[in-house]
């Protein structure tokens, strides 16, 4: 009976982990292919928090890149400036949009960018969500 109770507790804990990881839904995620000869670019997406509590993103990783930073754009004294932010809060039920000219993921040290690289978004609680996003060229094909 004790073994069955312990097994049931373990299954419940694993179930909670899966639910927690699935709290973030990424839509329309893409990373711009870097300009030839460059090793940095940016990624954009909508991140929806389906949880009943706030999720605070603190870091990200992208397959084929050495470093990813969460950035924002600000307009100061007539100039647009990019700044790294160390926390990106997403309230329960809310969607945060990462887009050109606004919040985005700044990607550094690209060694190889797959067509659909794996993206990992991690929260302050050290819970990570993994998905894949699309690689897109800056040049639009007509």
Protein backbone atom coordinates (compact mmCIF):
# COMPACT_ATOMS: atom_id res chain seq x y z
CA UNK A 1 0.00 0.00 0.00
CA UNK A 2 2.86 2.39 0.88
CA UNK A 3 4.55 1.70 -2.49
CA UNK A 4 1.29 2.43 -4.30
CA UNK A 5 0.86 5.69 -2.35
CA UNK A 6 4.45 6.79 -3.14
CA UNK A 7 4.01 5.90 -6.81
CA UNK A 8 0.77 7.89 -6.95
CA UNK A 9 2.53 10.90 -5.36
CA UNK A 10 5.34 10.67 -7.92
CA UNK A 11 2.84 10.52 -10.80
CA UNK A 12 1.05 13.58 -9.39
CA UNK A 13 4.31 15.52 -9.13
CA UNK A 14 5.30 14.61 -12.68
CA UNK A 15 1.86 15.64 -13.88
CA UNK A 16 2.29 19.05 -12.23
CA UNK A 17 5.67 19.51 -13.89
CA UNK A 18 4.25 18.79 -17.32
CA UNK A 19 1.37 21.21 -16.69
CA UNK A 20 3.77 23.90 -15.47
CA UNK A 21 6.05 23.51 -18.48
CA UNK A 22 3.06 23.73 -20.81
CA UNK A 23 1.94 27.08 -19.32
CA UNK A 24 3.62 29.05 -22.09
CA UNK A 25 2.39 28.83 -25.67
CA UNK A 26 4.59 30.33 -28.40
CA UNK A 27 2.86 31.43 -31.60
CA UNK A 28 4.30 32.83 -34.83
CA UNK A 29 7.86 32.33 -33.54
CA UNK A 30 10.71 33.08 -35.91
CA UNK A 31 14.36 34.06 -35.91
CA UNK A 32 15.79 36.23 -38.66
CA UNK A 33 18.63 34.59 -40.53
CA UNK A 34 21.72 36.72 -39.92
CA UNK A 35 23.15 38.96 -42.61
CA UNK A 36 26.02 37.08 -44.34
CA UNK A 37 29.23 37.54 -42.36
CA UNK A 38 27.38 38.49 -39.15
CA UNK A 39 26.81 36.28 -36.09
CA UNK A 40 23.93 38.13 -34.45
CA UNK A 41 20.25 38.52 -35.18
CA UNK A 42 16.89 38.70 -33.39
CA UNK A 43 13.88 36.49 -32.73
CA UNK A 44 10.22 37.46 -32.47
CA UNK A 45 7.01 35.73 -31.34
CA UNK A 46 3.85 35.90 -29.27
CA UNK A 47 4.17 34.22 -25.86
CA UNK A 48 0.86 33.38 -24.17
CA UNK A 49 0.70 32.44 -20.49
CA UNK A 50 -2.11 29.92 -20.00
CA UNK A 51 -1.36 29.56 -16.27
CA UNK A 52 -3.37 31.06 -13.44
CA UNK A 53 -0.24 32.76 -12.09
CA UNK A 54 2.35 35.12 -13.53
CA UNK A 55 5.40 33.63 -15.28
CA UNK A 56 8.62 35.67 -15.25
CA UNK A 57 11.06 34.79 -18.02
CA UNK A 58 14.69 35.33 -17.08
CA UNK A 59 16.68 33.62 -19.82
CA UNK A 60 16.48 31.94 -23.19
CA UNK A 61 18.60 29.60 -25.32
CA UNK A 62 18.51 29.02 -29.07
CA UNK A 63 19.99 26.05 -30.90
CA UNK A 64 23.04 27.16 -32.88
CA UNK A 65 23.69 30.33 -30.85
CA UNK A 66 26.12 31.01 -28.03
CA UNK A 67 23.97 33.53 -26.14
CA UNK A 68 20.45 34.94 -26.08
CA UNK A 69 19.36 38.11 -24.27
CA UNK A 70 15.89 39.52 -23.71
CA UNK A 71 15.86 43.09 -25.08
CA UNK A 72 13.58 46.07 -25.24
CA UNK A 73 13.62 49.19 -27.41
CA UNK A 74 13.26 52.59 -25.80
CA UNK A 75 12.96 56.00 -27.39
CA UNK A 76 15.18 58.47 -25.52
CA UNK A 77 16.15 61.96 -26.66
CA UNK A 78 15.08 61.26 -30.22
CA UNK A 79 17.09 58.03 -30.42
CA UNK A 80 16.00 54.40 -30.38
CA UNK A 81 18.05 52.37 -27.90
CA UNK A 82 18.13 48.65 -27.23
CA UNK A 83 18.59 47.50 -23.65
CA UNK A 84 18.87 44.06 -22.10
CA UNK A 85 16.18 43.31 -19.54
CA UNK A 86 16.66 40.58 -16.99
CA UNK A 87 13.01 39.77 -16.30
CA UNK A 88 10.05 39.57 -18.65
CA UNK A 89 6.86 39.15 -16.62
CA UNK A 90 3.85 37.61 -18.36
CA UNK A 91 0.66 37.89 -16.31
CA UNK A 92 -1.76 34.97 -16.08
CA UNK A 93 -3.86 34.72 -19.22
CA UNK A 94 -1.87 37.44 -20.99
CA UNK A 95 0.14 37.45 -24.21
CA UNK A 96 3.42 39.31 -24.65
CA UNK A 97 4.43 40.14 -28.21
CA UNK A 98 8.10 40.20 -29.19
CA UNK A 99 8.33 42.22 -32.42
CA UNK A 100 10.72 44.40 -34.41
CA UNK A 101 11.02 47.80 -32.73
CA UNK A 102 9.85 46.42 -29.38
CA UNK A 103 10.58 43.52 -27.07
CA UNK A 104 12.67 40.83 -28.77
CA UNK A 105 15.27 38.13 -28.20
CA UNK A 106 18.74 39.27 -29.25
CA UNK A 107 20.75 36.31 -30.55
CA UNK A 108 24.57 36.33 -30.40
CA UNK A 109 27.35 34.03 -31.60
CA UNK A 110 25.44 32.10 -34.22
CA UNK A 111 27.51 29.14 -35.35
CA UNK A 112 24.81 27.33 -37.35
CA UNK A 113 21.12 28.20 -37.58
CA UNK A 114 18.85 25.24 -38.40
CA UNK A 115 15.66 25.81 -40.42
CA UNK A 116 13.63 25.17 -37.25
CA UNK A 117 15.93 25.78 -34.27
CA UNK A 118 14.97 24.67 -30.77
CA UNK A 119 14.14 27.58 -28.47
CA UNK A 120 14.17 27.27 -24.70
CA UNK A 121 12.50 29.92 -22.51
CA UNK A 122 13.22 29.69 -18.78
CA UNK A 123 11.43 31.28 -15.85
CA UNK A 124 12.68 32.71 -12.58
CA UNK A 125 11.45 29.45 -11.01
CA UNK A 126 14.01 27.61 -13.20
CA UNK A 127 11.26 25.97 -15.23
CA UNK A 128 12.07 25.83 -18.93
CA UNK A 129 9.73 25.58 -21.90
CA UNK A 130 11.05 24.18 -25.18
CA UNK A 131 9.66 24.66 -28.65
CA UNK A 132 10.91 25.16 -32.18
CA UNK A 133 10.66 28.34 -34.20
CA UNK A 134 11.19 29.10 -37.87
CA UNK A 135 14.31 30.63 -39.48
CA UNK A 136 13.37 33.41 -41.90
CA UNK A 137 15.38 35.38 -44.39
CA UNK A 138 15.28 39.18 -44.27
CA UNK A 139 14.73 39.17 -48.01
CA UNK A 140 11.09 38.64 -48.95
CA UNK A 141 10.46 36.42 -51.95
CA UNK A 142 7.85 37.68 -54.39
